[in-house]
Amino acid sequence: MDSHNEAMFSVINIIEIQDAYYIIVLERGMIMANKDKDIKILVDFIDIYCKKNHEESKKYLLDGHNILLCKECMELALYAIKKRKFCKKDPKPACKKCDTPCYSAIYRDKIRKIMKFSGIYYVKRGRLDYLYHYLF
């Protein structure tokens, strides 16, 4: 790859799931694959929720991401990433609209709480794309 092509790409995230590494690469002007985009949004939502609600908890670095999460949020993030990576639905519906939910009841309640909190947080700060995603 020459230097011109190298500048066209930037690594967004490197994540590890069961000893396999996934590199999410975004070409300028291109849209990420749905799975990768969903994972990035999941991690962003969990990150903001943890920062605002678990300030005093001990934090751990999520592999491949530059975010620190408490133990509870770390477990949820790893679980959510794994579930999204291996979702068999194509195209994938929103989890709340899925006819075969894959999350266990405990994690489903946690992710709903986080999505509601973080969605409101981001919309209040001008992220209308999240509002559009929620409504449609």
Protein backbone atom coordinates (compact mmCIF):
# COMPACT_ATOMS: atom_id res chain seq x y z
CA MET A 1 0.00 0.00 0.00
CA ASP A 2 1.43 3.38 -0.87
CA SER A 3 1.23 6.37 1.44
CA HIS A 4 -1.72 7.81 -0.51
CA ASN A 5 -3.78 4.64 0.02
CA GLU A 6 -2.74 4.38 3.66
CA ALA A 7 -4.20 7.83 4.27
CA MET A 8 -7.51 6.66 2.82
CA PHE A 9 -8.08 4.22 5.66
CA SER A 10 -8.19 4.58 9.42
CA VAL A 11 -8.59 1.78 11.94
CA ILE A 12 -11.66 2.48 14.04
CA ASN A 13 -11.53 -0.44 16.47
CA ILE A 14 -9.71 -3.70 17.06
CA ILE A 15 -11.69 -6.09 19.21
CA GLU A 16 -10.97 -9.56 20.50
CA ILE A 17 -13.70 -12.17 20.71
CA GLN A 18 -12.68 -15.69 21.71
CA ASP A 19 -9.05 -15.32 20.56
CA ALA A 20 -10.04 -13.89 17.16
CA TYR A 21 -9.27 -10.28 16.28
CA TYR A 22 -11.61 -8.20 14.16
CA ILE A 23 -10.36 -4.98 12.65
CA ILE A 24 -13.03 -2.47 11.73
CA VAL A 25 -11.68 -0.25 8.97
CA LEU A 26 -13.50 2.78 7.66
CA GLU A 27 -12.61 4.25 4.28
CA ARG A 28 -13.17 7.99 4.11
CA GLY A 29 -16.56 8.64 2.59
CA MET A 30 -17.65 5.02 2.99
CA ILE A 31 -20.12 3.49 5.41
CA MET A 32 -19.10 0.73 7.82
CA ALA A 33 -20.71 -2.69 7.55
CA ASN A 34 -23.86 -2.91 9.63
CA LYS A 35 -22.34 -5.32 12.17
CA ASP A 36 -19.34 -3.10 12.70
CA LYS A 37 -21.46 0.02 12.95
CA ASP A 38 -23.80 -1.67 15.44
CA ILE A 39 -20.85 -2.77 17.58
CA LYS A 40 -19.37 0.73 17.58
CA ILE A 41 -22.72 2.20 18.68
CA LEU A 42 -23.14 -0.49 21.37
CA VAL A 43 -19.71 0.22 22.79
CA ASP A 44 -20.27 4.00 22.66
CA PHE A 45 -23.60 3.66 24.48
CA ILE A 46 -22.17 1.38 27.16
CA ASP A 47 -19.19 3.71 27.56
CA ILE A 48 -21.27 6.83 28.17
CA TYR A 49 -23.61 4.99 30.54
CA CYS A 50 -20.67 3.68 32.58
CA LYS A 51 -19.00 7.11 32.72
CA LYS A 52 -22.17 8.77 33.98
CA ASN A 53 -23.45 6.06 36.33
CA HIS A 54 -20.43 4.14 37.62
CA GLU A 55 -17.93 6.92 38.24
CA GLU A 56 -16.56 5.47 41.48
CA SER A 57 -16.15 1.87 40.27
CA LYS A 58 -12.78 0.37 39.38
CA LYS A 59 -12.30 0.55 35.60
CA TYR A 60 -10.84 -1.94 33.13
CA LEU A 61 -9.66 -1.32 29.57
CA LEU A 62 -11.87 -2.91 26.90
CA ASP A 63 -9.46 -4.72 24.56
CA GLY A 64 -8.98 -2.82 21.35
CA HIS A 65 -10.99 0.18 22.45
CA ASN A 66 -9.78 3.28 24.21
CA ILE A 67 -12.46 3.12 26.86
CA LEU A 68 -12.52 2.14 30.49
CA LEU A 69 -15.50 0.23 31.87
CA CYS A 70 -16.47 -1.12 35.27
CA LYS A 71 -16.66 -4.90 35.64
CA GLU A 72 -20.45 -5.00 35.13
CA CYS A 73 -20.34 -2.87 31.97
CA MET A 74 -17.32 -4.79 30.67
CA GLU A 75 -19.21 -8.08 30.95
CA LEU A 76 -22.20 -6.58 29.16
CA ALA A 77 -20.03 -5.08 26.40
CA LEU A 78 -18.28 -8.39 25.70
CA TYR A 79 -21.62 -10.23 25.74
CA ALA A 80 -23.25 -7.68 23.40
CA ILE A 81 -20.32 -7.73 20.96
CA LYS A 82 -20.40 -11.51 20.82
CA LYS A 83 -24.16 -11.61 20.27
CA ARG A 84 -24.02 -8.99 17.50
CA LYS A 85 -21.11 -10.65 15.71
CA PHE A 86 -22.93 -13.96 15.53
CA CYS A 87 -26.47 -12.72 14.83
CA LYS A 88 -27.97 -14.80 12.04
CA LYS A 89 -30.56 -12.21 10.99
CA ASP A 90 -29.85 -10.47 7.70
CA PRO A 91 -30.86 -7.71 7.61
CA LYS A 92 -30.78 -7.49 11.37
CA PRO A 93 -33.81 -5.84 12.96
CA ALA A 94 -33.50 -3.70 16.06
CA CYS A 95 -33.24 -6.02 19.06
CA LYS A 96 -36.48 -4.67 20.50
CA LYS A 97 -38.28 -5.67 17.26
CA CYS A 98 -36.63 -9.07 16.81
CA ASP A 99 -38.90 -12.12 16.84
CA THR A 100 -36.14 -14.36 18.24
CA PRO A 101 -34.27 -12.42 20.94
CA CYS A 102 -30.81 -13.83 21.63
CA TYR A 103 -30.02 -11.88 24.83
CA SER A 104 -30.73 -13.60 28.12
CA ALA A 105 -33.37 -11.83 30.22
CA ILE A 106 -30.80 -10.31 32.60
CA TYR A 107 -28.67 -8.82 29.82
CA ARG A 108 -31.76 -7.73 27.86
CA ASP A 109 -32.94 -5.60 30.79
CA LYS A 110 -29.46 -4.10 31.26
CA ILE A 111 -29.01 -3.21 27.58
CA ARG A 112 -32.49 -1.65 27.41
CA LYS A 113 -31.65 0.57 30.38
CA ILE A 114 -28.32 1.57 28.81
CA MET A 115 -29.81 2.23 25.37
CA LYS A 116 -32.53 4.42 26.84
CA PHE A 117 -30.11 6.43 29.00
CA SER A 118 -27.42 6.85 26.34
CA GLY A 119 -29.88 7.50 23.52
CA ILE A 120 -31.43 10.38 25.45
CA TYR A 121 -27.95 11.62 26.41
CA TYR A 122 -26.75 11.72 22.79
CA VAL A 123 -29.96 13.21 21.36
CA LYS A 124 -29.81 16.03 23.91
CA ARG A 125 -26.31 16.75 22.63
CA GLY A 126 -27.32 16.94 18.98
CA ARG A 127 -26.88 13.36 17.78
CA LEU A 128 -30.08 13.27 15.77
CA ASP A 129 -28.87 10.23 13.82
CA TYR A 130 -29.52 8.19 16.98
CA LEU A 131 -33.04 9.60 17.20
CA TYR A 132 -33.63 8.65 13.56
CA HIS A 133 -32.33 5.12 14.26
CA TYR A 134 -34.65 4.83 17.25
CA LEU A 135 -37.74 5.97 15.34
CA PHE A 136 -37.13 4.05 12.13
